[in-house]
Structure formats: structure tokens, C-alpha cells
Amino acid sequence: MAYDTNPFAPSDQERHAIWEMLVRKDVDGFVNEDWSIFGGSFKSDGFCGLDAKGSLDPAVWEVRFPTVEAYRDAWLGDARRAAATDYAENRRDALFRATDMLDIRVEGHTATARKTFDDAIALADGGSQRLNWQSVFFCAKDHGAWKITGFVGFLPFQRSGGREDA
């Protein structure tokens, strides 16, 4: 199976749509430095993005993205820095390979989705850039389409014994 294959069958409509929004649109927009690919996935009214700063302790977390615009600016800055990095492999393929989002829980018009990153992208100089964190997204169905209403990002992630630890 290709890394960019949606693991949810089209018949699992809600999870399929959420995966497309949070994985495919995010990766494709990021690699192309094009917010318009991903930006329509957000619900602006009431959005809040938290940066966990690599900690499970909520006392450390900060509201780093109080608006979608604040998140967009940070996301585009990261996308530009990644595009300027000299990788030894295809960045899109590597991002899909590093991303796992099988934990999507839907309750009516509300959903949570846990997205993990656990891999490295080879650099042209022989080193690598490690991707290792997880984020929990909050989503709501709005006029028939799933939208991101907020998230807690940059939580620690450790794979252990074949299972992901939350």
C-alpha cells in the first residue's frame, strides 16, 4: 500500500473525509507551500490551537494559535523552511510515511482525530530530520463538511511494543 493511501474505505464516510482533510490536504498544502489547499478545512469562529511544547503536563501548554490566521502564518513559515531544506528524498513521500492517523473517533457531528508523526526525513548532507510528536484535533461537521475547530499539538509521542502510547 502506498503511504498516501487513505486507510479508511470510502464507505466509512466520516473517517475517510477526516483523514483526507487532516492528512492529504495538510501534506499536499505544506509541500506546495499553498495554504489554499488546507486552509478551507478550518472553522474560524471559536478556533483555538494549543502548543503542548512536548509535554503531557497541561500547565506547560500555551495558546499559541488563538486564531486560524495565527496558525496559518506559523504553518506557512514551517512550509517555507522545509522547502528551503535540502532533503535526500521526496519530502511528500517522507511526510506521508511519517504520518499515522488511525485513531479517529466520531460522535454525531463532533470528532477527535489523533495524528502521530514518527520517522525521519533523510537530508542531503547525510543526516536526517526527526519527526516525532502527536497532535489531537477537534473537528465539527459544518454544513455537511468536516472542519477543524482546534487542536492540542506537539504532544510527546512514543511507540512502544507495537502500540502507540497516548
Protein backbone atom coordinates (compact mmCIF):
# COMPACT_ATOMS: atom_id res chain seq x y z
CA MET A 1 0.00 0.00 0.00
CA ALA A 2 1.29 3.46 -0.90
CA TYR A 3 1.89 5.77 2.06
CA ASP A 4 -0.61 8.30 0.71
CA THR A 5 -3.45 5.77 0.51
CA ASN A 6 -6.37 6.65 2.78
CA PRO A 7 -6.70 3.72 5.24
CA PHE A 8 -10.46 4.30 5.58
CA ALA A 9 -12.73 2.95 2.87
CA PRO A 10 -14.99 5.48 1.13
CA SER A 11 -17.92 3.62 2.74
CA ASP A 12 -16.57 4.81 6.13
CA GLN A 13 -17.50 8.31 5.00
CA GLU A 14 -16.76 10.30 8.15
CA ARG A 15 -13.33 8.84 8.91
CA HIS A 16 -12.41 8.83 5.22
CA ALA A 17 -13.26 12.55 4.95
CA ILE A 18 -11.45 13.48 8.16
CA TRP A 19 -8.30 11.62 7.07
CA GLU A 20 -8.37 13.38 3.69
CA MET A 21 -8.69 16.74 5.43
CA LEU A 22 -6.08 16.24 8.16
CA VAL A 23 -3.52 14.19 6.26
CA ARG A 24 -3.73 14.60 2.49
CA LYS A 25 -4.70 18.30 2.40
CA ASP A 26 -2.20 19.14 5.14
CA VAL A 27 0.72 17.31 3.48
CA ASP A 28 -0.08 18.46 -0.06
CA GLY A 29 -0.59 22.06 1.01
CA PHE A 30 2.58 22.00 3.15
CA VAL A 31 4.79 20.54 0.42
CA ASN A 32 3.44 23.06 -2.10
CA GLU A 33 3.58 25.96 0.41
CA ASP A 34 -0.06 26.55 -0.52
CA TRP A 35 -2.40 27.35 2.37
CA SER A 36 -5.39 27.38 0.00
CA ILE A 37 -5.19 23.57 -0.21
CA PHE A 38 -5.56 23.16 3.58
CA GLY A 39 -6.98 26.47 4.79
CA GLY A 40 -10.60 25.72 3.89
CA SER A 41 -10.50 22.87 6.41
CA PHE A 42 -10.73 25.25 9.38
CA LYS A 43 -13.70 26.74 11.19
CA SER A 44 -12.56 30.25 12.10
CA ASP A 45 -15.23 31.08 14.64
CA GLY A 46 -14.04 29.83 18.03
CA PHE A 47 -10.84 28.17 16.77
CA CYS A 48 -8.07 27.54 19.31
CA GLY A 49 -4.73 25.77 18.81
CA LEU A 50 -2.60 24.77 21.78
CA ASP A 51 1.13 24.02 21.69
CA ALA A 52 1.90 21.28 24.25
CA LYS A 53 5.64 22.02 23.88
CA GLY A 54 6.45 18.31 24.02
CA SER A 55 4.84 17.89 27.44
CA LEU A 56 1.91 15.88 28.77
CA ASP A 57 1.53 18.46 31.56
CA PRO A 58 -1.26 20.94 30.64
CA ALA A 59 0.35 23.53 32.94
CA VAL A 60 3.10 23.87 30.30
CA TRP A 61 0.80 24.20 27.30
CA GLU A 62 0.17 27.57 25.70
CA VAL A 63 -2.45 29.05 23.41
CA ARG A 64 -0.03 29.61 20.55
CA PHE A 65 -2.68 29.79 17.84
CA PRO A 66 -5.66 31.84 19.10
CA THR A 67 -6.89 32.26 15.51
CA VAL A 68 -6.75 30.33 12.26
CA GLU A 69 -4.67 33.20 10.86
CA ALA A 70 -2.04 32.75 13.59
CA TYR A 71 -1.85 29.05 12.76
CA ARG A 72 -1.71 29.78 9.02
CA ASP A 73 1.26 32.11 9.48
CA ALA A 74 3.20 29.56 11.55
CA TRP A 75 2.27 26.71 9.15
CA LEU A 76 3.42 28.73 6.11
CA GLY A 77 6.66 29.65 7.88
CA ASP A 78 7.33 25.98 8.59
CA ALA A 79 6.44 25.07 4.99
CA ARG A 80 8.89 27.66 3.63
CA ARG A 81 11.70 26.47 5.92
CA ALA A 82 11.06 22.85 4.88
CA ALA A 83 11.05 23.81 1.19
CA ALA A 84 14.42 25.53 1.65
CA THR A 85 15.92 22.41 3.27
CA ASP A 86 17.99 20.12 1.05
CA TYR A 87 16.44 16.68 1.51
CA ALA A 88 17.85 13.46 0.06
CA GLU A 89 14.40 12.03 -0.56
CA ASN A 90 10.98 13.10 -1.76
CA ARG A 91 9.53 15.25 1.02
CA ARG A 92 5.88 14.43 0.22
CA ASP A 93 6.54 10.68 0.35
CA ALA A 94 8.52 11.04 3.58
CA LEU A 95 5.77 13.09 5.27
CA PHE A 96 3.12 10.55 4.34
CA ARG A 97 5.39 7.74 5.56
CA ALA A 98 5.91 9.51 8.90
CA THR A 99 2.21 10.27 9.45
CA ASP A 100 -0.29 7.91 11.04
CA MET A 101 -3.89 8.82 11.76
CA LEU A 102 -5.94 5.73 12.50
CA ASP A 103 -7.45 6.97 15.78
CA ILE A 104 -10.49 8.95 14.60
CA ARG A 105 -13.50 8.99 16.91
CA VAL A 106 -16.79 10.31 15.59
CA GLU A 107 -19.79 11.10 17.78
CA GLY A 108 -22.55 12.65 15.72
CA HIS A 109 -21.31 15.97 14.34
CA THR A 110 -18.20 16.05 16.54
CA ALA A 111 -14.94 14.15 16.13
CA THR A 112 -11.43 13.84 17.50
CA ALA A 113 -8.51 12.66 15.44
CA ARG A 114 -5.08 11.75 16.79
CA LYS A 115 -2.31 12.28 14.28
CA THR A 116 1.16 10.92 15.00
CA PHE A 117 4.50 11.58 13.37
CA ASP A 118 7.22 9.01 13.89
CA ASP A 119 10.01 8.79 11.32
CA ALA A 120 12.86 10.79 9.84
CA ILE A 121 13.47 12.50 6.51
CA ALA A 122 16.92 11.95 5.04
CA LEU A 123 18.94 15.11 4.47
CA ALA A 124 21.24 15.59 1.50
CA ASP A 125 24.21 16.10 3.84
CA GLY A 126 23.79 12.57 5.18
CA GLY A 127 21.92 13.41 8.37
CA SER A 128 18.20 13.29 8.98
CA GLN A 129 15.38 15.41 10.33
CA ARG A 130 13.43 13.56 13.03
CA LEU A 131 9.65 13.85 13.15
CA ASN A 132 8.32 12.64 16.49
CA TRP A 133 5.20 14.10 18.09
CA GLN A 134 1.44 13.73 18.12
CA SER A 135 -1.49 16.12 17.87
CA VAL A 136 -5.14 15.73 18.79
CA PHE A 137 -7.55 17.59 16.53
CA PHE A 138 -11.10 18.60 17.35
CA CYS A 139 -13.50 18.63 14.42
CA ALA A 140 -17.11 19.54 13.81
CA LYS A 141 -19.39 18.90 10.88
CA ASP A 142 -20.38 22.27 9.45
CA HIS A 143 -22.86 22.50 6.57
CA GLY A 144 -22.13 18.88 5.61
CA ALA A 145 -18.32 19.15 5.70
CA TRP A 146 -15.82 18.40 8.47
CA LYS A 147 -13.92 21.41 9.79
CA ILE A 148 -11.07 21.71 12.29
CA THR A 149 -12.18 23.69 15.34
CA GLY A 150 -8.93 23.35 17.30
CA PHE A 151 -6.12 21.09 18.40
CA VAL A 152 -3.53 20.28 21.01
CA GLY A 153 -0.31 19.92 19.05
CA PHE A 154 3.26 18.88 19.64
CA LEU A 155 2.46 16.34 22.34
CA PRO A 156 5.17 13.77 23.07
CA PHE A 157 4.85 10.50 21.19
CA GLN A 158 6.49 7.19 21.87
CA ARG A 159 5.79 3.95 20.07
CA SER A 160 6.11 1.01 22.44
CA GLY A 161 5.61 -2.71 21.97
CA GLY A 162 3.80 -2.32 18.67
CA ARG A 163 1.23 0.01 20.27
CA GLU A 164 1.09 3.75 20.34
CA ASP A 165 1.09 5.30 23.79
CA ALA A 166 -1.13 8.33 24.17
